[in-house]
Amino acid sequence: MKKALFVLTLFISYSCFAQLQNIPLVTVEAESVVKVKPDHVIIGVKLNKKIQITNATFEIFREIDSQFKIFGLDDKFIYQSYIQADSSVYIKEIFLTLMDINSLDKTLLELYKLGYKQYIYLDYRVQNLISYKNQARKEAMTVAKNKAVLLAGELNQTIGKAHKIEEINQESYNWYNIHDMDNLENIPYKSGSDFYTIEPGYITIISRVRVSFDLIK
């Protein structure tokens, strides 16, 4: 009896698996692009000071450090590297985070007046980047569903539940760092292209998905 029950269960399982394998599917790939303007910037400044035997290490940059207080930034927006020593100079890097990006020009001018001209970089960023990445994923899924509905509708059919969901990849491009990107010639941007991906002044997030839906007659 137990053997017969086992065989029956195995047969039912195999039949269900066979039916599942024979379900007609419509598979689509979709892409979503979200563009957002940076809302803050990090300024990296490199400081040099000649090595003098009489200097106490902890006092080397004390006077210079105090000059950055003129910008009225909280300490949490000022980051400092450890002091490094080259053959003839002490080196220190200071990073200022400006949450008001509109004050960038004024801040750079003030730094220039103070004699700080060695910028490591200007890094433009956006807060809550993960939320924009998730937005791109959601929009890609919506595009995939609409695309599947359109294709199925041309055959007078509809779609059912999603059978398989795959995130192909997600990429982000920062216009301000675009000169550092590899394979730049293959990235379409606004100048000279109607189907551009990169737009000057924006951080661009691209999400691609592949989704299979049940195809219902």
N, C-alpha and C. Protein backbone atom coordinates (compact mmCIF):
# COMPACT_ATOMS: atom_id res chain seq x y z
N MET A 1 0.84 -1.20 0.00
CA MET A 1 0.00 0.00 0.00
C MET A 1 0.87 1.25 0.00
N LYS A 2 1.90 1.23 0.88
CA LYS A 2 2.80 2.37 0.96
C LYS A 2 3.54 2.56 -0.36
N LYS A 3 3.91 1.43 -0.98
CA LYS A 3 4.63 1.51 -2.25
C LYS A 3 3.74 2.10 -3.33
N ALA A 4 2.47 1.70 -3.35
CA ALA A 4 1.53 2.22 -4.34
C ALA A 4 1.31 3.72 -4.13
N LEU A 5 1.21 4.14 -2.86
CA LEU A 5 1.01 5.55 -2.55
C LEU A 5 2.22 6.37 -2.99
N PHE A 6 3.41 5.82 -2.78
CA PHE A 6 4.63 6.50 -3.18
C PHE A 6 4.69 6.68 -4.69
N VAL A 7 4.32 5.63 -5.43
CA VAL A 7 4.32 5.69 -6.89
C VAL A 7 3.32 6.71 -7.39
N LEU A 8 2.12 6.76 -6.75
CA LEU A 8 1.08 7.70 -7.14
C LEU A 8 1.54 9.14 -6.90
N THR A 9 2.17 9.37 -5.74
CA THR A 9 2.68 10.71 -5.41
C THR A 9 3.75 11.14 -6.40
N LEU A 10 4.63 10.21 -6.73
CA LEU A 10 5.69 10.50 -7.69
C LEU A 10 5.12 10.83 -9.05
N PHE A 11 4.07 10.11 -9.46
CA PHE A 11 3.44 10.34 -10.76
C PHE A 11 2.79 11.72 -10.81
N ILE A 12 2.10 12.08 -9.70
CA ILE A 12 1.44 13.39 -9.65
C ILE A 12 2.48 14.51 -9.70
N SER A 13 3.57 14.34 -8.96
CA SER A 13 4.63 15.35 -8.93
C SER A 13 5.24 15.51 -10.32
N TYR A 14 5.47 14.38 -10.99
CA TYR A 14 6.06 14.42 -12.33
C TYR A 14 5.10 15.09 -13.31
N SER A 15 3.80 14.81 -13.16
CA SER A 15 2.81 15.40 -14.05
C SER A 15 2.74 16.91 -13.86
N CYS A 16 2.78 17.35 -12.59
CA CYS A 16 2.75 18.79 -12.31
C CYS A 16 3.99 19.48 -12.87
N PHE A 17 5.14 18.80 -12.72
CA PHE A 17 6.39 19.36 -13.23
C PHE A 17 6.34 19.48 -14.75
N ALA A 18 5.78 18.44 -15.39
CA ALA A 18 5.68 18.45 -16.85
C ALA A 18 4.76 19.57 -17.31
N GLN A 19 3.65 19.76 -16.59
CA GLN A 19 2.74 20.84 -16.95
C GLN A 19 3.40 22.20 -16.78
N LEU A 20 4.18 22.33 -15.68
CA LEU A 20 4.86 23.59 -15.43
C LEU A 20 5.86 23.89 -16.53
N GLN A 21 6.55 22.85 -16.98
CA GLN A 21 7.53 23.04 -18.03
C GLN A 21 6.89 23.42 -19.36
N ASN A 22 5.64 23.06 -19.55
CA ASN A 22 4.96 23.31 -20.82
C ASN A 22 4.15 24.61 -20.82
N ILE A 23 4.19 25.36 -19.71
CA ILE A 23 3.45 26.62 -19.67
C ILE A 23 4.07 27.60 -20.66
N PRO A 24 3.29 28.15 -21.58
CA PRO A 24 3.84 29.13 -22.51
C PRO A 24 4.20 30.42 -21.78
N LEU A 25 5.32 30.99 -22.14
CA LEU A 25 5.80 32.20 -21.48
C LEU A 25 6.07 33.29 -22.50
N VAL A 26 5.99 34.52 -22.04
CA VAL A 26 6.47 35.66 -22.82
C VAL A 26 7.58 36.30 -21.99
N THR A 27 8.76 36.39 -22.56
CA THR A 27 9.93 36.91 -21.85
C THR A 27 10.36 38.23 -22.48
N VAL A 28 10.54 39.23 -21.64
CA VAL A 28 10.91 40.55 -22.13
C VAL A 28 12.09 41.09 -21.33
N GLU A 29 12.83 41.97 -21.96
CA GLU A 29 13.88 42.73 -21.29
C GLU A 29 13.47 44.19 -21.28
N ALA A 30 13.77 44.87 -20.19
CA ALA A 30 13.35 46.27 -20.06
C ALA A 30 14.44 47.08 -19.38
N GLU A 31 14.40 48.37 -19.65
CA GLU A 31 15.41 49.28 -19.10
C GLU A 31 14.73 50.53 -18.58
N SER A 32 15.24 51.03 -17.48
CA SER A 32 14.75 52.29 -16.92
C SER A 32 15.93 53.19 -16.62
N VAL A 33 15.75 54.49 -16.86
CA VAL A 33 16.80 55.48 -16.61
C VAL A 33 16.27 56.54 -15.66
N VAL A 34 16.96 56.73 -14.56
CA VAL A 34 16.61 57.77 -13.58
C VAL A 34 17.77 58.77 -13.53
N LYS A 35 17.44 60.05 -13.67
CA LYS A 35 18.46 61.10 -13.65
C LYS A 35 18.19 62.04 -12.49
N VAL A 36 19.24 62.35 -11.74
CA VAL A 36 19.09 63.20 -10.56
C VAL A 36 20.29 64.14 -10.49
N LYS A 37 20.02 65.38 -10.09
CA LYS A 37 21.09 66.35 -9.94
C LYS A 37 21.79 66.18 -8.59
N PRO A 38 23.11 66.32 -8.54
CA PRO A 38 23.81 66.24 -7.26
C PRO A 38 23.30 67.31 -6.30
N ASP A 39 23.28 66.99 -5.00
CA ASP A 39 22.81 67.96 -4.02
C ASP A 39 23.89 68.35 -3.01
N HIS A 40 25.08 67.74 -3.11
CA HIS A 40 26.19 68.18 -2.28
C HIS A 40 27.50 67.81 -2.96
N VAL A 41 28.58 68.43 -2.51
CA VAL A 41 29.87 68.22 -3.15
C VAL A 41 30.96 68.13 -2.08
N ILE A 42 31.95 67.30 -2.34
CA ILE A 42 33.10 67.17 -1.44
C ILE A 42 34.33 67.76 -2.13
N ILE A 43 34.97 68.69 -1.44
CA ILE A 43 36.18 69.33 -1.96
C ILE A 43 37.39 68.72 -1.26
N GLY A 44 38.32 68.23 -2.02
CA GLY A 44 39.55 67.69 -1.45
C GLY A 44 40.70 68.65 -1.66
N VAL A 45 41.33 69.07 -0.58
CA VAL A 45 42.44 70.04 -0.66
C VAL A 45 43.71 69.38 -0.13
N LYS A 46 44.79 69.57 -0.85
CA LYS A 46 46.08 69.00 -0.44
C LYS A 46 46.96 70.11 0.11
N LEU A 47 47.47 69.91 1.32
CA LEU A 47 48.30 70.90 1.99
C LEU A 47 49.73 70.40 2.10
N ASN A 48 50.68 71.29 1.82
CA ASN A 48 52.10 70.97 1.95
C ASN A 48 52.76 71.95 2.90
N LYS A 49 53.70 71.47 3.68
CA LYS A 49 54.48 72.35 4.55
C LYS A 49 55.89 71.79 4.67
N LYS A 50 56.87 72.66 4.50
CA LYS A 50 58.26 72.22 4.53
C LYS A 50 58.61 71.63 5.88
N ILE A 51 59.40 70.58 5.82
CA ILE A 51 59.85 69.93 7.04
C ILE A 51 60.92 70.77 7.73
N GLN A 52 60.70 71.03 9.01
CA GLN A 52 61.68 71.72 9.82
C GLN A 52 61.90 70.92 11.09
N ILE A 53 63.13 70.76 11.45
CA ILE A 53 63.48 69.92 12.60
C ILE A 53 62.82 70.44 13.88
N THR A 54 62.61 71.73 13.95
CA THR A 54 62.07 72.32 15.17
C THR A 54 60.57 72.11 15.32
N ASN A 55 59.89 71.68 14.25
CA ASN A 55 58.44 71.50 14.30
C ASN A 55 58.05 70.31 15.16
N ALA A 56 57.09 70.51 16.01
CA ALA A 56 56.44 69.38 16.68
C ALA A 56 55.35 68.88 15.74
N THR A 57 55.28 67.57 15.53
CA THR A 57 54.38 67.01 14.51
C THR A 57 52.94 67.47 14.69
N PHE A 58 52.46 67.49 15.94
CA PHE A 58 51.06 67.82 16.16
C PHE A 58 50.77 69.30 15.93
N GLU A 59 51.80 70.13 15.79
CA GLU A 59 51.60 71.57 15.59
C GLU A 59 51.82 72.00 14.14
N ILE A 60 52.19 71.08 13.28
CA ILE A 60 52.57 71.44 11.92
C ILE A 60 51.46 72.17 11.18
N PHE A 61 50.24 71.65 11.24
CA PHE A 61 49.14 72.21 10.47
C PHE A 61 48.11 72.91 11.36
N ARG A 62 48.44 73.18 12.60
CA ARG A 62 47.45 73.74 13.52
C ARG A 62 46.91 75.07 13.00
N GLU A 63 47.77 75.95 12.56
CA GLU A 63 47.35 77.26 12.06
C GLU A 63 46.51 77.12 10.80
N ILE A 64 46.91 76.22 9.92
CA ILE A 64 46.18 76.01 8.67
C ILE A 64 44.80 75.44 8.93
N ASP A 65 44.71 74.48 9.86
CA ASP A 65 43.43 73.86 10.17
C ASP A 65 42.40 74.89 10.59
N SER A 66 42.83 75.85 11.40
CA SER A 66 41.89 76.83 11.94
C SER A 66 41.31 77.72 10.86
N GLN A 67 42.00 77.86 9.74
CA GLN A 67 41.51 78.73 8.67
C GLN A 67 40.24 78.19 8.02
N PHE A 68 40.04 76.88 8.09
CA PHE A 68 38.86 76.30 7.46
C PHE A 68 37.58 76.60 8.24
N LYS A 69 37.72 77.10 9.45
CA LYS A 69 36.55 77.43 10.25
C LYS A 69 35.79 78.63 9.68
N ILE A 70 36.44 79.39 8.79
CA ILE A 70 35.77 80.57 8.24
C ILE A 70 34.56 80.20 7.40
N PHE A 71 34.47 78.94 6.97
CA PHE A 71 33.34 78.53 6.14
C PHE A 71 32.11 78.17 6.97
N GLY A 72 32.26 78.19 8.29
CA GLY A 72 31.13 77.91 9.16
C GLY A 72 30.63 76.48 9.08
N LEU A 73 31.49 75.54 8.72
CA LEU A 73 31.09 74.14 8.61
C LEU A 73 31.19 73.45 9.96
N ASP A 74 30.24 72.56 10.22
CA ASP A 74 30.35 71.73 11.41
C ASP A 74 31.54 70.79 11.26
N ASP A 75 32.08 70.36 12.39
CA ASP A 75 33.23 69.45 12.34
C ASP A 75 32.92 68.17 11.58
N LYS A 76 31.65 67.74 11.60
CA LYS A 76 31.30 66.49 10.92
C LYS A 76 31.40 66.61 9.40
N PHE A 77 31.50 67.85 8.89
CA PHE A 77 31.64 68.06 7.46
C PHE A 77 33.08 68.35 7.06
N ILE A 78 34.01 68.20 8.00
CA ILE A 78 35.43 68.41 7.72
C ILE A 78 36.19 67.14 8.10
N TYR A 79 36.82 66.52 7.10
CA TYR A 79 37.57 65.29 7.33
C TYR A 79 39.04 65.55 7.02
N GLN A 80 39.91 64.98 7.84
CA GLN A 80 41.34 65.20 7.66
C GLN A 80 42.07 63.87 7.60
N SER A 81 43.05 63.82 6.72
CA SER A 81 43.89 62.62 6.65
C SER A 81 44.99 62.71 7.69
N TYR A 82 45.66 61.60 7.90
CA TYR A 82 46.84 61.63 8.75
C TYR A 82 47.96 62.37 8.03
N ILE A 83 48.87 62.93 8.79
CA ILE A 83 50.00 63.63 8.20
C ILE A 83 50.95 62.62 7.57
N GLN A 84 51.37 62.93 6.34
CA GLN A 84 52.32 62.09 5.63
C GLN A 84 53.59 62.89 5.38
N ALA A 85 54.70 62.21 5.28
CA ALA A 85 55.98 62.89 5.08
C ALA A 85 56.60 62.46 3.77
N ASP A 86 56.94 63.46 2.95
CA ASP A 86 57.70 63.22 1.74
C ASP A 86 59.16 63.54 2.05
N SER A 87 60.00 63.61 1.05
CA SER A 87 61.42 63.85 1.30
C SER A 87 61.69 65.20 1.96
N SER A 88 60.89 66.21 1.59
CA SER A 88 61.17 67.55 2.13
C SER A 88 59.94 68.26 2.66
N VAL A 89 58.76 67.64 2.56
CA VAL A 89 57.54 68.32 2.99
C VAL A 89 56.64 67.37 3.77
N TYR A 90 55.84 67.98 4.65
CA TYR A 90 54.74 67.27 5.28
C TYR A 90 53.51 67.45 4.39
N ILE A 91 52.69 66.42 4.30
CA ILE A 91 51.50 66.46 3.44
C ILE A 91 50.28 66.10 4.27
N LYS A 92 49.23 66.86 4.07
CA LYS A 92 47.96 66.57 4.73
C LYS A 92 46.83 66.85 3.75
N GLU A 93 45.79 66.03 3.81
CA GLU A 93 44.63 66.21 2.93
C GLU A 93 43.41 66.52 3.78
N ILE A 94 42.68 67.54 3.37
CA ILE A 94 41.47 67.95 4.08
C ILE A 94 40.29 67.91 3.12
N PHE A 95 39.18 67.36 3.58
CA PHE A 95 37.99 67.21 2.74
C PHE A 95 36.84 68.00 3.37
N LEU A 96 36.27 68.89 2.59
CA LEU A 96 35.15 69.71 3.04
C LEU A 96 33.89 69.25 2.32
N THR A 97 32.83 68.99 3.08
CA THR A 97 31.55 68.60 2.48
C THR A 97 30.61 69.79 2.51
N LEU A 98 30.21 70.24 1.32
CA LEU A 98 29.27 71.36 1.20
C LEU A 98 27.89 70.81 0.90
N MET A 99 26.98 70.93 1.86
CA MET A 99 25.62 70.46 1.64
C MET A 99 24.81 71.46 0.81
N ASP A 100 25.27 72.71 0.78
CA ASP A 100 24.65 73.72 -0.07
C ASP A 100 25.52 73.87 -1.31
N ILE A 101 25.15 73.17 -2.36
CA ILE A 101 25.99 73.14 -3.56
C ILE A 101 26.06 74.51 -4.23
N ASN A 102 25.10 75.38 -3.94
CA ASN A 102 25.11 76.71 -4.53
C ASN A 102 26.23 77.59 -3.97
N SER A 103 26.81 77.17 -2.85
CA SER A 103 27.89 77.95 -2.25
C SER A 103 29.26 77.51 -2.74
N LEU A 104 29.30 76.61 -3.71
CA LEU A 104 30.57 76.06 -4.17
C LEU A 104 31.48 77.13 -4.75
N ASP A 105 30.96 77.98 -5.63
CA ASP A 105 31.80 79.01 -6.26
C ASP A 105 32.44 79.91 -5.22
N LYS A 106 31.64 80.34 -4.26
CA LYS A 106 32.14 81.23 -3.21
C LYS A 106 33.21 80.54 -2.38
N THR A 107 32.98 79.26 -2.06
CA THR A 107 33.94 78.52 -1.25
C THR A 107 35.26 78.33 -1.98
N LEU A 108 35.20 77.98 -3.26
CA LEU A 108 36.42 77.81 -4.04
C LEU A 108 37.20 79.11 -4.14
N LEU A 109 36.48 80.22 -4.29
CA LEU A 109 37.13 81.52 -4.36
C LEU A 109 37.84 81.85 -3.05
N GLU A 110 37.18 81.57 -1.93
CA GLU A 110 37.78 81.83 -0.63
C GLU A 110 39.01 80.95 -0.41
N LEU A 111 38.93 79.70 -0.83
CA LEU A 111 40.09 78.81 -0.72
C LEU A 111 41.26 79.33 -1.55
N TYR A 112 40.93 79.83 -2.73
CA TYR A 112 41.97 80.37 -3.60
C TYR A 112 42.65 81.58 -2.96
N LYS A 113 41.83 82.44 -2.33
CA LYS A 113 42.39 83.62 -1.67
C LYS A 113 43.30 83.23 -0.51
N LEU A 114 42.98 82.12 0.14
CA LEU A 114 43.80 81.65 1.26
C LEU A 114 45.06 80.94 0.79
N GLY A 115 45.17 80.74 -0.51
CA GLY A 115 46.36 80.12 -1.06
C GLY A 115 46.26 78.64 -1.31
N TYR A 116 45.06 78.07 -1.17
CA TYR A 116 44.88 76.63 -1.40
C TYR A 116 44.49 76.40 -2.85
N LYS A 117 45.44 75.94 -3.64
CA LYS A 117 45.21 75.78 -5.07
C LYS A 117 45.39 74.34 -5.54
N GLN A 118 45.79 73.46 -4.64
CA GLN A 118 46.00 72.06 -5.00
C GLN A 118 44.77 71.24 -4.61
N TYR A 119 43.81 71.17 -5.52
CA TYR A 119 42.60 70.39 -5.26
C TYR A 119 42.84 68.95 -5.68
N ILE A 120 42.52 68.03 -4.78
CA ILE A 120 42.62 66.62 -5.13
C ILE A 120 41.50 66.27 -6.10
N TYR A 121 40.30 66.71 -5.77
CA TYR A 121 39.15 66.50 -6.65
C TYR A 121 37.95 67.27 -6.12
N LEU A 122 36.95 67.39 -6.98
CA LEU A 122 35.62 67.84 -6.59
C LEU A 122 34.69 66.67 -6.87
N ASP A 123 34.10 66.13 -5.83
CA ASP A 123 33.27 64.94 -5.97
C ASP A 123 31.81 65.31 -5.74
N TYR A 124 31.02 65.32 -6.82
CA TYR A 124 29.60 65.66 -6.74
C TYR A 124 28.80 64.40 -6.42
N ARG A 125 27.94 64.51 -5.39
CA ARG A 125 27.19 63.34 -4.94
C ARG A 125 25.73 63.70 -4.70
N VAL A 126 24.92 62.66 -4.46
CA VAL A 126 23.52 62.85 -4.14
C VAL A 126 23.19 62.03 -2.90
N GLN A 127 22.40 62.61 -2.01
CA GLN A 127 21.98 61.89 -0.82
C GLN A 127 20.93 60.84 -1.20
N ASN A 128 20.82 59.81 -0.38
CA ASN A 128 19.82 58.75 -0.59
C ASN A 128 19.93 58.13 -1.98
N LEU A 129 21.16 57.87 -2.41
CA LEU A 129 21.37 57.28 -3.73
C LEU A 129 20.65 55.95 -3.87
N ILE A 130 20.59 55.17 -2.79
CA ILE A 130 19.95 53.86 -2.85
C ILE A 130 18.48 53.97 -3.20
N SER A 131 17.83 55.06 -2.76
CA SER A 131 16.40 55.22 -3.07
C SER A 131 16.20 55.46 -4.57
N TYR A 132 17.12 56.17 -5.20
CA TYR A 132 17.03 56.39 -6.64
C TYR A 132 17.33 55.10 -7.41
N LYS A 133 18.23 54.29 -6.87
CA LYS A 133 18.52 53.00 -7.50
C LYS A 133 17.29 52.09 -7.44
N ASN A 134 16.61 52.08 -6.29
CA ASN A 134 15.40 51.28 -6.17
C ASN A 134 14.28 51.82 -7.06
N GLN A 135 14.23 53.13 -7.22
CA GLN A 135 13.24 53.73 -8.12
C GLN A 135 13.47 53.24 -9.55
N ALA A 136 14.74 53.18 -9.95
CA ALA A 136 15.07 52.70 -11.29
C ALA A 136 14.64 51.24 -11.47
N ARG A 137 14.83 50.43 -10.43
CA ARG A 137 14.42 49.02 -10.49
C ARG A 137 12.90 48.90 -10.66
N LYS A 138 12.17 49.68 -9.86
CA LYS A 138 10.71 49.63 -9.92
C LYS A 138 10.21 50.04 -11.30
N GLU A 139 10.79 51.11 -11.83
CA GLU A 139 10.35 51.59 -13.14
C GLU A 139 10.70 50.58 -14.24
N ALA A 140 11.82 49.89 -14.10
CA ALA A 140 12.19 48.87 -15.08
C ALA A 140 11.18 47.73 -15.06
N MET A 141 10.72 47.35 -13.87
CA MET A 141 9.71 46.29 -13.77
C MET A 141 8.39 46.72 -14.40
N THR A 142 8.03 47.98 -14.21
CA THR A 142 6.79 48.49 -14.82
C THR A 142 6.90 48.48 -16.34
N VAL A 143 8.06 48.88 -16.84
CA VAL A 143 8.29 48.87 -18.29
C VAL A 143 8.20 47.44 -18.82
N ALA A 144 8.78 46.49 -18.08
CA ALA A 144 8.75 45.09 -18.50
C ALA A 144 7.31 44.57 -18.58
N LYS A 145 6.52 44.88 -17.58
CA LYS A 145 5.13 44.42 -17.56
C LYS A 145 4.34 45.02 -18.72
N ASN A 146 4.49 46.32 -18.93
CA ASN A 146 3.77 46.97 -20.03
C ASN A 146 4.19 46.42 -21.39
N LYS A 147 5.46 46.12 -21.50
CA LYS A 147 5.96 45.56 -22.76
C LYS A 147 5.39 44.17 -23.01
N ALA A 148 5.32 43.36 -21.95
CA ALA A 148 4.76 42.01 -22.08
C ALA A 148 3.28 42.07 -22.43
N VAL A 149 2.54 42.99 -21.80
CA VAL A 149 1.12 43.15 -22.10
C VAL A 149 0.92 43.53 -23.56
N LEU A 150 1.76 44.43 -24.06
CA LEU A 150 1.66 44.86 -25.45
C LEU A 150 1.91 43.71 -26.41
N LEU A 151 2.96 42.95 -26.16
CA LEU A 151 3.29 41.84 -27.05
C LEU A 151 2.20 40.77 -27.04
N ALA A 152 1.73 40.43 -25.84
CA ALA A 152 0.69 39.41 -25.74
C ALA A 152 -0.61 39.90 -26.38
N GLY A 153 -0.90 41.18 -26.22
CA GLY A 153 -2.13 41.73 -26.78
C GLY A 153 -2.19 41.65 -28.30
N GLU A 154 -1.03 41.72 -28.94
CA GLU A 154 -0.99 41.62 -30.40
C GLU A 154 -1.41 40.24 -30.87
N LEU A 155 -1.38 39.26 -29.97
CA LEU A 155 -1.81 37.90 -30.30
C LEU A 155 -3.15 37.57 -29.64
N ASN A 156 -3.83 38.64 -29.18
CA ASN A 156 -5.12 38.47 -28.50
C ASN A 156 -4.99 37.57 -27.27
N GLN A 157 -3.88 37.74 -26.57
CA GLN A 157 -3.65 36.99 -25.35
C GLN A 157 -3.33 37.97 -24.21
N THR A 158 -3.28 37.44 -23.02
CA THR A 158 -2.94 38.25 -21.85
C THR A 158 -1.79 37.57 -21.10
N ILE A 159 -1.29 38.27 -20.11
CA ILE A 159 -0.22 37.69 -19.30
C ILE A 159 -0.74 37.35 -17.92
N GLY A 160 -0.08 36.38 -17.30
CA GLY A 160 -0.43 36.00 -15.94
C GLY A 160 0.64 36.45 -14.97
N LYS A 161 0.88 35.66 -13.96
CA LYS A 161 1.87 36.02 -12.95
C LYS A 161 3.28 35.92 -13.53
N ALA A 162 4.20 36.59 -12.87
CA ALA A 162 5.60 36.52 -13.29
C ALA A 162 6.15 35.14 -12.97
N HIS A 163 6.78 34.54 -13.95
CA HIS A 163 7.33 33.19 -13.80
C HIS A 163 8.78 33.25 -13.35
N LYS A 164 9.51 34.27 -13.83
CA LYS A 164 10.92 34.42 -13.48
C LYS A 164 11.30 35.89 -13.59
N ILE A 165 12.05 36.37 -12.61
CA ILE A 165 12.52 37.76 -12.59
C ILE A 165 14.04 37.75 -12.44
N GLU A 166 14.69 38.47 -13.32
CA GLU A 166 16.16 38.53 -13.28
C GLU A 166 16.62 39.97 -13.45
N GLU A 167 17.45 40.43 -12.54
CA GLU A 167 18.06 41.75 -12.71
C GLU A 167 19.34 41.56 -13.53
N ILE A 168 19.33 42.09 -14.73
CA ILE A 168 20.48 41.91 -15.62
C ILE A 168 21.68 42.68 -15.08
N ASN A 169 21.49 43.96 -14.84
CA ASN A 169 22.54 44.77 -14.22
C ASN A 169 21.99 46.14 -13.87
N GLN A 170 22.78 46.87 -13.11
CA GLN A 170 22.46 48.26 -12.80
C GLN A 170 23.75 49.06 -12.84
N GLU A 171 23.70 50.20 -13.52
CA GLU A 171 24.87 51.04 -13.68
C GLU A 171 24.53 52.46 -13.29
N SER A 172 25.54 53.20 -12.88
CA SER A 172 25.34 54.62 -12.60
C SER A 172 26.51 55.40 -13.19
N TYR A 173 26.19 56.56 -13.74
CA TYR A 173 27.18 57.42 -14.36
C TYR A 173 27.06 58.82 -13.77
N ASN A 174 28.19 59.35 -13.35
CA ASN A 174 28.23 60.71 -12.82
C ASN A 174 28.89 61.59 -13.87
N TRP A 175 28.14 62.55 -14.39
CA TRP A 175 28.67 63.40 -15.45
C TRP A 175 29.98 64.07 -15.05
N TYR A 176 30.09 64.43 -13.79
CA TYR A 176 31.27 65.16 -13.34
C TYR A 176 32.51 64.27 -13.23
N ASN A 177 32.29 62.96 -13.22
CA ASN A 177 33.42 62.02 -13.17
C ASN A 177 33.56 61.24 -14.47
N ILE A 178 32.91 61.71 -15.50
CA ILE A 178 32.84 60.92 -16.73
C ILE A 178 34.20 60.75 -17.39
N HIS A 179 35.12 61.67 -17.13
CA HIS A 179 36.46 61.57 -17.73
C HIS A 179 37.24 60.39 -17.17
N ASP A 180 36.79 59.84 -16.03
CA ASP A 180 37.48 58.70 -15.43
C ASP A 180 36.94 57.36 -15.90
N MET A 181 35.89 57.38 -16.72
CA MET A 181 35.23 56.13 -17.09
C MET A 181 35.95 55.43 -18.24
N ASP A 182 35.96 54.11 -18.16
CA ASP A 182 36.48 53.30 -19.25
C ASP A 182 35.41 53.14 -20.32
N ASN A 183 35.83 52.87 -21.52
CA ASN A 183 34.89 52.58 -22.61
C ASN A 183 33.92 53.74 -22.85
N LEU A 184 34.41 54.95 -22.68
CA LEU A 184 33.55 56.13 -22.76
C LEU A 184 32.92 56.30 -24.14
N GLU A 185 33.65 55.88 -25.19
CA GLU A 185 33.14 56.09 -26.54
C GLU A 185 31.87 55.31 -26.83
N ASN A 186 31.57 54.29 -26.01
CA ASN A 186 30.37 53.47 -26.23
C ASN A 186 29.19 53.91 -25.38
N ILE A 187 29.35 55.01 -24.63
CA ILE A 187 28.26 55.50 -23.79
C ILE A 187 27.59 56.67 -24.49
N PRO A 188 26.32 56.53 -24.88
CA PRO A 188 25.63 57.64 -25.55
C PRO A 188 25.33 58.77 -24.58
N TYR A 189 25.66 59.98 -24.98
CA TYR A 189 25.34 61.12 -24.13
C TYR A 189 24.59 62.16 -24.95
N LYS A 190 24.13 63.20 -24.32
CA LYS A 190 23.14 64.08 -24.92
C LYS A 190 23.62 64.73 -26.21
N SER A 191 24.86 65.14 -26.24
CA SER A 191 25.37 65.82 -27.42
C SER A 191 25.43 64.87 -28.62
N GLY A 192 24.61 65.12 -29.62
CA GLY A 192 24.67 64.34 -30.86
C GLY A 192 23.90 63.04 -30.83
N SER A 193 23.02 62.84 -29.86
CA SER A 193 22.27 61.59 -29.81
C SER A 193 20.86 61.85 -29.31
N ASP A 194 19.87 61.33 -30.05
CA ASP A 194 18.48 61.47 -29.62
C ASP A 194 18.14 60.49 -28.50
N PHE A 195 18.88 59.40 -28.42
CA PHE A 195 18.63 58.38 -27.40
C PHE A 195 19.80 58.36 -26.42
N TYR A 196 20.03 59.52 -25.83
CA TYR A 196 21.19 59.66 -24.95
C TYR A 196 20.95 59.02 -23.59
N THR A 197 22.03 58.64 -22.97
CA THR A 197 21.99 58.10 -21.62
C THR A 197 22.53 59.11 -20.62
N ILE A 198 23.67 59.69 -20.94
CA ILE A 198 24.33 60.62 -20.04
C ILE A 198 23.93 62.05 -20.39
N GLU A 199 23.58 62.80 -19.37
CA GLU A 199 23.21 64.20 -19.59
C GLU A 199 24.07 65.09 -18.70
N PRO A 200 24.65 66.14 -19.26
CA PRO A 200 25.51 67.02 -18.46
C PRO A 200 24.82 67.53 -17.20
N GLY A 201 25.54 67.45 -16.08
CA GLY A 201 25.03 67.97 -14.82
C GLY A 201 24.23 66.98 -14.00
N TYR A 202 24.09 65.74 -14.46
CA TYR A 202 23.25 64.77 -13.77
C TYR A 202 24.02 63.51 -13.39
N ILE A 203 23.53 62.84 -12.36
CA ILE A 203 23.93 61.47 -12.06
C ILE A 203 22.86 60.57 -12.66
N THR A 204 23.26 59.65 -13.52
CA THR A 204 22.32 58.81 -14.26
C THR A 204 22.40 57.38 -13.76
N ILE A 205 21.24 56.82 -13.43
CA ILE A 205 21.16 55.44 -12.94
C ILE A 205 20.35 54.62 -13.95
N ILE A 206 20.92 53.52 -14.39
CA ILE A 206 20.28 52.67 -15.40
C ILE A 206 20.05 51.28 -14.80
N SER A 207 18.83 50.81 -14.89
CA SER A 207 18.50 49.48 -14.37
C SER A 207 17.90 48.64 -15.49
N ARG A 208 18.38 47.41 -15.63
CA ARG A 208 17.90 46.50 -16.68
C ARG A 208 17.42 45.20 -16.04
N VAL A 209 16.27 44.73 -16.51
CA VAL A 209 15.69 43.49 -15.97
C VAL A 209 15.22 42.60 -17.11
N ARG A 210 15.08 41.32 -16.79
CA ARG A 210 14.50 40.34 -17.71
C ARG A 210 13.41 39.59 -16.93
N VAL A 211 12.19 39.60 -17.47
CA VAL A 211 11.06 39.01 -16.76
C VAL A 211 10.29 38.07 -17.70
N SER A 212 9.92 36.91 -17.18
CA SER A 212 9.09 35.96 -17.91
C SER A 212 7.71 35.89 -17.26
N PHE A 213 6.67 36.10 -18.05
CA PHE A 213 5.30 36.03 -17.57
C PHE A 213 4.59 34.83 -18.19
N ASP A 214 3.64 34.28 -17.45
CA ASP A 214 2.78 33.25 -18.04
C ASP A 214 1.97 33.88 -19.17
N LEU A 215 1.88 33.17 -20.27
CA LEU A 215 1.11 33.64 -21.42
C LEU A 215 -0.23 32.92 -21.43
N ILE A 216 -1.30 33.69 -21.30
CA ILE A 216 -2.64 33.11 -21.16
C ILE A 216 -3.45 33.38 -22.42
N LYS A 217 -4.10 32.33 -22.93
CA LYS A 217 -4.92 32.47 -24.14
C LYS A 217 -6.24 33.14 -23.81
